[in-house]
PDB file of N, CA and C in Angstrom:
ATOM      1  N   MET A   1       0.230  62.779   5.579  1.00  0.00           N
ATOM      2  CA  MET A   1       0.748  62.130   4.389  1.00  0.00           C
ATOM      3  C   MET A   1       0.768  63.159   3.258  1.00  0.00           C
ATOM      4  N   PRO A   2       1.894  63.335   2.579  1.00  0.00           N
ATOM      5  CA  PRO A   2       1.983  64.325   1.511  1.00  0.00           C
ATOM      6  C   PRO A   2       1.059  63.975   0.349  1.00  0.00           C
ATOM      7  N   LYS A   3       0.678  65.011  -0.372  1.00  0.00           N
ATOM      8  CA  LYS A   3      -0.255  64.836  -1.471  1.00  0.00           C
ATOM      9  C   LYS A   3       0.342  63.955  -2.578  1.00  0.00           C
ATOM     10  N   ARG A   4       1.630  64.065  -2.793  1.00  0.00           N
ATOM     11  CA  ARG A   4       2.292  63.269  -3.816  1.00  0.00           C
ATOM     12  C   ARG A   4       2.241  61.778  -3.475  1.00  0.00           C
ATOM     13  N   ARG A   5       2.401  61.457  -2.209  1.00  0.00           N
ATOM     14  CA  ARG A   5       2.369  60.066  -1.761  1.00  0.00           C
ATOM     15  C   ARG A   5       0.965  59.467  -1.939  1.00  0.00           C
ATOM     16  N   VAL A   6      -0.066  60.251  -1.673  1.00  0.00           N
ATOM     17  CA  VAL A   6      -1.446  59.789  -1.846  1.00  0.00           C
ATOM     18  C   VAL A   6      -1.712  59.508  -3.320  1.00  0.00           C
ATOM     19  N   PHE A   7      -1.236  60.395  -4.186  1.00  0.00           N
ATOM     20  CA  PHE A   7      -1.428  60.199  -5.617  1.00  0.00           C
ATOM     21  C   PHE A   7      -0.704  58.935  -6.084  1.00  0.00           C
ATOM     22  N   PHE A   8       0.488  58.689  -5.573  1.00  0.00           N
ATOM     23  CA  PHE A   8       1.234  57.487  -5.926  1.00  0.00           C
ATOM     24  C   PHE A   8       0.483  56.245  -5.458  1.00  0.00           C
ATOM     25  N   SER A   9      -0.116  56.296  -4.286  1.00  0.00           N
ATOM     26  CA  SER A   9      -0.900  55.165  -3.791  1.00  0.00           C
ATOM     27  C   SER A   9      -2.111  54.907  -4.677  1.00  0.00           C
ATOM     28  N   PHE A  10      -2.731  55.981  -5.158  1.00  0.00           N
ATOM     29  CA  PHE A  10      -3.876  55.843  -6.053  1.00  0.00           C
ATOM     30  C   PHE A  10      -3.457  55.181  -7.359  1.00  0.00           C
ATOM     31  N   LEU A  11      -2.332  55.620  -7.919  1.00  0.00           N
ATOM     32  CA  LEU A  11      -1.852  55.030  -9.161  1.00  0.00           C
ATOM     33  C   LEU A  11      -1.454  53.570  -8.970  1.00  0.00           C
ATOM     34  N   THR A  12      -0.905  53.257  -7.820  1.00  0.00           N
ATOM     35  CA  THR A  12      -0.542  51.880  -7.516  1.00  0.00           C
ATOM     36  C   THR A  12      -1.782  50.998  -7.477  1.00  0.00           C
ATOM     37  N   GLY A  13      -2.821  51.486  -6.845  1.00  0.00           N
ATOM     38  CA  GLY A  13      -4.072  50.734  -6.805  1.00  0.00           C
ATOM     39  C   GLY A  13      -4.680  50.554  -8.182  1.00  0.00           C
ATOM     40  N   MET A  14      -4.588  51.593  -9.018  1.00  0.00           N
ATOM     41  CA  MET A  14      -5.117  51.505 -10.374  1.00  0.00           C
ATOM     42  C   MET A  14      -4.298  50.526 -11.223  1.00  0.00           C
ATOM     43  N   ALA A  15      -3.024  50.406 -10.959  1.00  0.00           N
ATOM     44  CA  ALA A  15      -2.195  49.457 -11.693  1.00  0.00           C
ATOM     45  C   ALA A  15      -2.436  48.029 -11.205  1.00  0.00           C
ATOM     46  N   LEU A  16      -2.819  47.891  -9.964  1.00  0.00           N
ATOM     47  CA  LEU A  16      -3.039  46.557  -9.402  1.00  0.00           C
ATOM     48  C   LEU A  16      -4.352  45.946  -9.897  1.00  0.00           C
ATOM     49  N   LEU A  17      -5.337  46.761 -10.169  1.00  0.00           N
ATOM     50  CA  LEU A  17      -6.649  46.264 -10.590  1.00  0.00           C
ATOM     51  C   LEU A  17      -6.586  45.434 -11.873  1.00  0.00           C
ATOM     52  N   PRO A  18      -5.955  45.905 -12.951  1.00  0.00           N
ATOM     53  CA  PRO A  18      -5.882  45.053 -14.150  1.00  0.00           C
ATOM     54  C   PRO A  18      -5.105  43.759 -13.921  1.00  0.00           C
ATOM     55  N   THR A  19      -4.094  43.818 -13.070  1.00  0.00           N
ATOM     56  CA  THR A  19      -3.326  42.606 -12.783  1.00  0.00           C
ATOM     57  C   THR A  19      -4.216  41.559 -12.137  1.00  0.00           C
ATOM     58  N   LEU A  20      -5.018  41.965 -11.179  1.00  0.00           N
ATOM     59  CA  LEU A  20      -5.914  41.015 -10.517  1.00  0.00           C
ATOM     60  C   LEU A  20      -6.989  40.495 -11.466  1.00  0.00           C
ATOM     61  N   LEU A  21      -7.499  41.371 -12.345  1.00  0.00           N
ATOM     62  CA  LEU A  21      -8.503  40.925 -13.310  1.00  0.00           C
ATOM     63  C   LEU A  21      -7.923  39.916 -14.296  1.00  0.00           C
ATOM     64  N   PHE A  22      -6.723  40.187 -14.787  1.00  0.00           N
ATOM     65  CA  PHE A  22      -6.102  39.247 -15.715  1.00  0.00           C
ATOM     66  C   PHE A  22      -5.720  37.945 -15.023  1.00  0.00           C
ATOM     67  N   MET A  23      -5.387  38.008 -13.749  1.00  0.00           N
ATOM     68  CA  MET A  23      -5.088  36.796 -12.997  1.00  0.00           C
ATOM     69  C   MET A  23      -6.334  35.913 -12.907  1.00  0.00           C
ATOM     70  N   PHE A  24      -7.487  36.519 -12.630  1.00  0.00           N
ATOM     71  CA  PHE A  24      -8.730  35.758 -12.563  1.00  0.00           C
ATOM     72  C   PHE A  24      -9.103  35.207 -13.941  1.00  0.00           C
ATOM     73  N   LEU A  25      -8.886  36.008 -14.984  1.00  0.00           N
ATOM     74  CA  LEU A  25      -9.189  35.553 -16.343  1.00  0.00           C
ATOM     75  C   LEU A  25      -8.296  34.379 -16.743  1.00  0.00           C
ATOM     76  N   GLU A  26      -7.037  34.438 -16.389  1.00  0.00           N
ATOM     77  CA  GLU A  26      -6.113  33.331 -16.668  1.00  0.00           C
ATOM     78  C   GLU A  26      -6.552  32.055 -15.948  1.00  0.00           C
ATOM     79  N   ALA A  27      -6.980  32.193 -14.699  1.00  0.00           N
ATOM     80  CA  ALA A  27      -7.453  31.033 -13.946  1.00  0.00           C
ATOM     81  C   ALA A  27      -8.736  30.477 -14.562  1.00  0.00           C
ATOM     82  N   TYR A  28      -9.602  31.351 -15.063  1.00  0.00           N
ATOM     83  CA  TYR A  28     -10.843  30.912 -15.707  1.00  0.00           C
ATOM     84  C   TYR A  28     -10.535  30.081 -16.954  1.00  0.00           C
ATOM     85  N   TYR A  29      -9.624  30.566 -17.788  1.00  0.00           N
ATOM     86  CA  TYR A  29      -9.269  29.818 -18.992  1.00  0.00           C
ATOM     87  C   TYR A  29      -8.552  28.513 -18.651  1.00  0.00           C
ATOM     88  N   LEU A  30      -7.779  28.515 -17.610  1.00  0.00           N
ATOM     89  CA  LEU A  30      -7.126  27.283 -17.177  1.00  0.00           C
ATOM     90  C   LEU A  30      -8.156  26.266 -16.705  1.00  0.00           C
ATOM     91  N   ALA A  31      -9.177  26.718 -15.996  1.00  0.00           N
ATOM     92  CA  ALA A  31     -10.244  25.817 -15.556  1.00  0.00           C
ATOM     93  C   ALA A  31     -11.018  25.267 -16.752  1.00  0.00           C
ATOM     94  N   LEU A  32     -11.283  26.117 -17.754  1.00  0.00           N
ATOM     95  CA  LEU A  32     -11.957  25.638 -18.968  1.00  0.00           C
ATOM     96  C   LEU A  32     -11.114  24.602 -19.702  1.00  0.00           C
ATOM     97  N   GLU A  33      -9.819  24.850 -19.769  1.00  0.00           N
ATOM     98  CA  GLU A  33      -8.931  23.908 -20.441  1.00  0.00           C
ATOM     99  C   GLU A  33      -8.903  22.566 -19.722  1.00  0.00           C
ATOM    100  N   ARG A  34      -8.874  22.601 -18.404  1.00  0.00           N
ATOM    101  CA  ARG A  34      -8.878  21.347 -17.642  1.00  0.00           C
ATOM    102  C   ARG A  34     -10.171  20.577 -17.863  1.00  0.00           C
ATOM    103  N   CYS A  35     -11.307  21.280 -17.914  1.00  0.00           N
ATOM    104  CA  CYS A  35     -12.590  20.606 -18.171  1.00  0.00           C
ATOM    105  C   CYS A  35     -12.609  19.989 -19.566  1.00  0.00           C
ATOM    106  N   PHE A  36     -12.095  20.735 -20.544  1.00  0.00           N
ATOM    107  CA  PHE A  36     -12.069  20.218 -21.908  1.00  0.00           C
ATOM    108  C   PHE A  36     -11.166  18.996 -22.011  1.00  0.00           C
ATOM    109  N   ARG A  37     -10.019  19.036 -21.356  1.00  0.00           N
ATOM    110  CA  ARG A  37      -9.112  17.881 -21.376  1.00  0.00           C
ATOM    111  C   ARG A  37      -9.746  16.673 -20.697  1.00  0.00           C
ATOM    112  N   GLN A  38     -10.515  16.914 -19.640  1.00  0.00           N
ATOM    113  CA  GLN A  38     -11.209  15.818 -18.960  1.00  0.00           C
ATOM    114  C   GLN A  38     -12.239  15.186 -19.900  1.00  0.00           C
ATOM    115  N   GLN A  39     -12.961  16.015 -20.651  1.00  0.00           N
ATOM    116  CA  GLN A  39     -13.930  15.478 -21.600  1.00  0.00           C
ATOM    117  C   GLN A  39     -13.238  14.709 -22.719  1.00  0.00           C
ATOM    118  N   CYS A  40     -12.089  15.204 -23.173  1.00  0.00           N
ATOM    119  CA  CYS A  40     -11.339  14.471 -24.210  1.00  0.00           C
ATOM    120  C   CYS A  40     -10.859  13.130 -23.681  1.00  0.00           C
ATOM    121  N   ASN A  41     -10.413  13.095 -22.450  1.00  0.00           N
ATOM    122  CA  ASN A  41      -9.971  11.828 -21.850  1.00  0.00           C
ATOM    123  C   ASN A  41     -11.121  10.838 -21.713  1.00  0.00           C
ATOM    124  N   GLN A  42     -12.323  11.349 -21.441  1.00  0.00           N
ATOM    125  CA  GLN A  42     -13.487  10.467 -21.361  1.00  0.00           C
ATOM    126  C   GLN A  42     -13.814   9.868 -22.719  1.00  0.00           C
ATOM    127  N   VAL A  43     -13.658  10.656 -23.780  1.00  0.00           N
ATOM    128  CA  VAL A  43     -13.906  10.142 -25.130  1.00  0.00           C
ATOM    129  C   VAL A  43     -12.878   9.069 -25.477  1.00  0.00           C
ATOM    130  N   VAL A  44     -11.627   9.305 -25.139  1.00  0.00           N
ATOM    131  CA  VAL A  44     -10.585   8.304 -25.409  1.00  0.00           C
ATOM    132  C   VAL A  44     -10.840   7.032 -24.604  1.00  0.00           C
ATOM    133  N   GLN A  45     -11.279   7.186 -23.364  1.00  0.00           N
ATOM    134  CA  GLN A  45     -11.579   6.013 -22.542  1.00  0.00           C
ATOM    135  C   GLN A  45     -12.731   5.205 -23.153  1.00  0.00           C
ATOM    136  N   LYS A  46     -13.773   5.903 -23.630  1.00  0.00           N
ATOM    137  CA  LYS A  46     -14.885   5.196 -24.275  1.00  0.00           C
ATOM    138  C   LYS A  46     -14.423   4.514 -25.555  1.00  0.00           C
ATOM    139  N   LEU A  47     -13.506   5.151 -26.266  1.00  0.00           N
ATOM    140  CA  LEU A  47     -12.980   4.561 -27.490  1.00  0.00           C
ATOM    141  C   LEU A  47     -12.204   3.286 -27.184  1.00  0.00           C
ATOM    142  N   ASN A  48     -11.427   3.299 -26.130  1.00  0.00           N
ATOM    143  CA  ASN A  48     -10.663   2.107 -25.747  1.00  0.00           C
ATOM    144  C   ASN A  48     -11.554   0.977 -25.257  1.00  0.00           C
ATOM    145  N   GLU A  49     -12.701   1.318 -24.696  1.00  0.00           N
ATOM    146  CA  GLU A  49     -13.639   0.307 -24.198  1.00  0.00           C
ATOM    147  C   GLU A  49     -14.656  -0.112 -25.254  1.00  0.00           C
ATOM    148  N   ASN A  50     -14.519   0.399 -26.481  1.00  0.00           N
ATOM    149  CA  ASN A  50     -15.466   0.135 -27.581  1.00  0.00           C
ATOM    150  C   ASN A  50     -16.889   0.528 -27.196  1.00  0.00           C
ATOM    151  N   ALA A  51     -17.037   1.592 -26.462  1.00  0.00           N
ATOM    152  CA  ALA A  51     -18.351   2.072 -26.055  1.00  0.00           C
ATOM    153  C   ALA A  51     -18.608   3.480 -26.587  1.00  0.00           C
ATOM    154  N   LEU A  52     -17.920   3.841 -27.660  1.00  0.00           N
ATOM    155  CA  LEU A  52     -18.042   5.181 -28.221  1.00  0.00           C
ATOM    156  C   LEU A  52     -19.116   5.205 -29.297  1.00  0.00           C
ATOM    157  N   TYR A  53     -20.017   6.151 -29.188  1.00  0.00           N
ATOM    158  CA  TYR A  53     -21.071   6.346 -30.172  1.00  0.00           C
ATOM    159  C   TYR A  53     -20.794   7.620 -30.951  1.00  0.00           C
ATOM    160  N   PRO A  54     -21.339   7.749 -32.154  1.00  0.00           N
ATOM    161  CA  PRO A  54     -21.091   8.968 -32.941  1.00  0.00           C
ATOM    162  C   PRO A  54     -21.532  10.257 -32.226  1.00  0.00           C
ATOM    163  N   GLU A  55     -22.543  10.150 -31.388  1.00  0.00           N
ATOM    164  CA  GLU A  55     -23.003  11.338 -30.662  1.00  0.00           C
ATOM    165  C   GLU A  55     -21.953  11.829 -29.658  1.00  0.00           C
ATOM    166  N   ASP A  56     -21.121  10.900 -29.185  1.00  0.00           N
ATOM    167  CA  ASP A  56     -20.099  11.275 -28.200  1.00  0.00           C
ATOM    168  C   ASP A  56     -18.977  12.103 -28.810  1.00  0.00           C
ATOM    169  N   LEU A  57     -18.776  11.971 -30.111  1.00  0.00           N
ATOM    170  CA  LEU A  57     -17.662  12.677 -30.741  1.00  0.00           C
ATOM    171  C   LEU A  57     -17.869  14.190 -30.775  1.00  0.00           C
ATOM    172  N   TYR A  58     -19.085  14.627 -30.946  1.00  0.00           N
ATOM    173  CA  TYR A  58     -19.348  16.048 -31.126  1.00  0.00           C
ATOM    174  C   TYR A  58     -20.120  16.682 -29.985  1.00  0.00           C
ATOM    175  N   SER A  59     -20.170  16.030 -28.869  1.00  0.00           N
ATOM    176  CA  SER A  59     -20.895  16.607 -27.737  1.00  0.00           C
ATOM    177  C   SER A  59     -19.900  17.232 -26.755  1.00  0.00           C
ATOM    178  N   ILE A  60     -20.024  18.515 -26.582  1.00  0.00           N
ATOM    179  CA  ILE A  60     -19.221  19.228 -25.586  1.00  0.00           C
ATOM    180  C   ILE A  60     -20.203  19.777 -24.569  1.00  0.00           C
ATOM    181  N   GLU A  61     -20.120  19.251 -23.376  1.00  0.00           N
ATOM    182  CA  GLU A  61     -21.054  19.653 -22.334  1.00  0.00           C
ATOM    183  C   GLU A  61     -20.439  20.769 -21.497  1.00  0.00           C
ATOM    184  N   PRO A  62     -21.274  21.622 -20.920  1.00  0.00           N
ATOM    185  CA  PRO A  62     -20.719  22.666 -20.049  1.00  0.00           C
ATOM    186  C   PRO A  62     -20.045  22.062 -18.821  1.00  0.00           C
ATOM    187  N   CYS A  63     -19.061  22.751 -18.384  1.00  0.00           N
ATOM    188  CA  CYS A  63     -18.272  22.265 -17.252  1.00  0.00           C
ATOM    189  C   CYS A  63     -19.050  22.455 -15.949  1.00  0.00           C
ATOM    190  N   PRO A  64     -19.188  21.392 -15.166  1.00  0.00           N
ATOM    191  CA  PRO A  64     -19.872  21.565 -13.879  1.00  0.00           C
ATOM    192  C   PRO A  64     -18.970  22.269 -12.870  1.00  0.00           C
ATOM    193  N   ALA A  65     -19.554  23.117 -12.069  1.00  0.00           N
ATOM    194  CA  ALA A  65     -18.846  23.831 -10.995  1.00  0.00           C
ATOM    195  C   ALA A  65     -17.647  24.594 -11.529  1.00  0.00           C
ATOM    196  N   LEU A  66     -17.867  25.384 -12.578  1.00  0.00           N
ATOM    197  CA  LEU A  66     -16.764  26.115 -13.206  1.00  0.00           C
ATOM    198  C   LEU A  66     -16.184  27.177 -12.281  1.00  0.00           C
ATOM    199  N   LEU A  67     -17.022  27.829 -11.498  1.00  0.00           N
ATOM    200  CA  LEU A  67     -16.511  28.865 -10.594  1.00  0.00           C
ATOM    201  C   LEU A  67     -15.608  28.250  -9.521  1.00  0.00           C
ATOM    202  N   ARG A  68     -15.995  27.107  -8.993  1.00  0.00           N
ATOM    203  CA  ARG A  68     -15.164  26.423  -7.998  1.00  0.00           C
ATOM    204  C   ARG A  68     -13.840  26.007  -8.610  1.00  0.00           C
ATOM    205  N   ARG A  69     -13.881  25.490  -9.839  1.00  0.00           N
ATOM    206  CA  ARG A  69     -12.657  25.087 -10.523  1.00  0.00           C
ATOM    207  C   ARG A  69     -11.777  26.294 -10.841  1.00  0.00           C
ATOM    208  N   THR A  70     -12.400  27.442 -11.102  1.00  0.00           N
ATOM    209  CA  THR A  70     -11.629  28.655 -11.367  1.00  0.00           C
ATOM    210  C   THR A  70     -10.859  29.073 -10.127  1.00  0.00           C
ATOM    211  N   PHE A  71     -11.506  29.030  -8.981  1.00  0.00           N
ATOM    212  CA  PHE A  71     -10.800  29.391  -7.745  1.00  0.00           C
ATOM    213  C   PHE A  71      -9.720  28.373  -7.400  1.00  0.00           C
ATOM    214  N   GLN A  72      -9.924  27.114  -7.761  1.00  0.00           N
ATOM    215  CA  GLN A  72      -8.866  26.121  -7.564  1.00  0.00           C
ATOM    216  C   GLN A  72      -7.690  26.406  -8.488  1.00  0.00           C
ATOM    217  N   ALA A  73      -7.981  26.864  -9.701  1.00  0.00           N
ATOM    218  CA  ALA A  73      -6.915  27.164 -10.662  1.00  0.00           C
ATOM    219  C   ALA A  73      -6.109  28.388 -10.252  1.00  0.00           C
ATOM    220  N   LEU A  74      -6.679  29.249  -9.417  1.00  0.00           N
ATOM    221  CA  LEU A  74      -5.918  30.394  -8.922  1.00  0.00           C
ATOM    222  C   LEU A  74      -4.702  29.943  -8.114  1.00  0.00           C
ATOM    223  N   GLY A  75      -4.776  28.772  -7.544  1.00  0.00           N
ATOM    224  CA  GLY A  75      -3.669  28.258  -6.751  1.00  0.00           C
ATOM    225  C   GLY A  75      -2.676  27.428  -7.554  1.00  0.00           C
ATOM    226  N   SER A  76      -2.882  27.325  -8.869  1.00  0.00           N
ATOM    227  CA  SER A  76      -1.968  26.516  -9.670  1.00  0.00           C
ATOM    228  C   SER A  76      -0.620  27.211  -9.819  1.00  0.00           C
ATOM    229  N   PHE A  77       0.385  26.441 -10.136  1.00  0.00           N
ATOM    230  CA  PHE A  77       1.740  26.973 -10.238  1.00  0.00           C
ATOM    231  C   PHE A  77       1.852  27.999 -11.355  1.00  0.00           C
ATOM    232  N   SER A  78       1.201  27.760 -12.487  1.00  0.00           N
ATOM    233  CA  SER A  78       1.342  28.676 -13.619  1.00  0.00           C
ATOM    234  C   SER A  78       0.749  30.048 -13.318  1.00  0.00           C
ATOM    235  N   VAL A  79      -0.368  30.088 -12.620  1.00  0.00           N
ATOM    236  CA  VAL A  79      -0.981  31.373 -12.281  1.00  0.00           C
ATOM    237  C   VAL A  79      -0.206  32.056 -11.164  1.00  0.00           C
ATOM    238  N   ARG A  80       0.164  31.298 -10.142  1.00  0.00           N
ATOM    239  CA  ARG A  80       0.894  31.890  -9.015  1.00  0.00           C
ATOM    240  C   ARG A  80       2.258  32.402  -9.429  1.00  0.00           C
ATOM    241  N   SER A  81       2.935  31.676 -10.312  1.00  0.00           N
ATOM    242  CA  SER A  81       4.293  32.091 -10.661  1.00  0.00           C
ATOM    243  C   SER A  81       4.300  33.368 -11.485  1.00  0.00           C
ATOM    244  N   PHE A  82       3.277  33.588 -12.301  1.00  0.00           N
ATOM    245  CA  PHE A  82       3.263  34.802 -13.125  1.00  0.00           C
ATOM    246  C   PHE A  82       2.615  35.978 -12.416  1.00  0.00           C
ATOM    247  N   TYR A  83       1.477  35.741 -11.787  1.00  0.00           N
ATOM    248  CA  TYR A  83       0.732  36.830 -11.161  1.00  0.00           C
ATOM    249  C   TYR A  83       0.882  36.852  -9.649  1.00  0.00           C
ATOM    250  N   GLY A  84       1.714  36.004  -9.129  1.00  0.00           N
ATOM    251  CA  GLY A  84       1.750  35.742  -7.704  1.00  0.00           C
ATOM    252  C   GLY A  84       2.226  36.858  -6.816  1.00  0.00           C
ATOM    253  N   GLU A  85       2.644  36.458  -5.668  1.00  0.00           N
ATOM    254  CA  GLU A  85       2.961  37.407  -4.605  1.00  0.00           C
ATOM    255  C   GLU A  85       4.051  38.385  -5.004  1.00  0.00           C
ATOM    256  N   ARG A  86       5.047  37.919  -5.722  1.00  0.00           N
ATOM    257  CA  ARG A  86       6.133  38.830  -6.076  1.00  0.00           C
ATOM    258  C   ARG A  86       5.650  39.960  -6.961  1.00  0.00           C
ATOM    259  N   ARG A  87       4.840  39.628  -7.967  1.00  0.00           N
ATOM    260  CA  ARG A  87       4.378  40.662  -8.890  1.00  0.00           C
ATOM    261  C   ARG A  87       3.441  41.638  -8.182  1.00  0.00           C
ATOM    262  N   VAL A  88       2.574  41.126  -7.335  1.00  0.00           N
ATOM    263  CA  VAL A  88       1.661  41.999  -6.590  1.00  0.00           C
ATOM    264  C   VAL A  88       2.447  42.843  -5.594  1.00  0.00           C
ATOM    265  N   ARG A  89       3.444  42.240  -4.959  1.00  0.00           N
ATOM    266  CA  ARG A  89       4.257  42.975  -3.994  1.00  0.00           C
ATOM    267  C   ARG A  89       5.081  44.074  -4.653  1.00  0.00           C
ATOM    268  N   ASN A  90       5.460  43.894  -5.913  1.00  0.00           N
ATOM    269  CA  ASN A  90       6.246  44.902  -6.608  1.00  0.00           C
ATOM    270  C   ASN A  90       5.493  46.218  -6.772  1.00  0.00           C
ATOM    271  N   TYR A  91       4.179  46.161  -6.807  1.00  0.00           N
ATOM    272  CA  TYR A  91       3.410  47.386  -6.932  1.00  0.00           C
ATOM    273  C   TYR A  91       3.460  48.228  -5.667  1.00  0.00           C
ATOM    274  N   TYR A  92       3.675  47.590  -4.551  1.00  0.00           N
ATOM    275  CA  TYR A  92       3.631  48.308  -3.295  1.00  0.00           C
ATOM    276  C   TYR A  92       5.011  48.705  -2.769  1.00  0.00           C
ATOM    277  N   THR A  93       6.058  48.398  -3.489  1.00  0.00           N
ATOM    278  CA  THR A  93       7.375  48.831  -3.056  1.00  0.00           C
ATOM    279  C   THR A  93       7.714  50.134  -3.768  1.00  0.00           C
ATOM    280  N   PRO A  94       8.131  51.136  -3.040  1.00  0.00           N
ATOM    281  CA  PRO A  94       8.425  52.439  -3.680  1.00  0.00           C
ATOM    282  C   PRO A  94       9.671  52.409  -4.533  1.00  0.00           C
TER     283      PRO A  94
END
């Protein structure tokens, strides 16, 4: 394998690393957003049932199983369409 080709492969790998990191970060924020929306929906449900207390308005609890939800968000359409197979495959085409 020529030396130039090896260097190109190295640069391709270095360009792929930030893409994968940002893809994981995007999925993490998407999972956080889904948890927050779920908590907001619970507050609205309590409000409709007249079971809302003042403590419920300002309580934001940590999201359970955030890592599992992050990996589930990796399969969402918004993450796959932007960071998906086509974009990753473009790095490996000469």
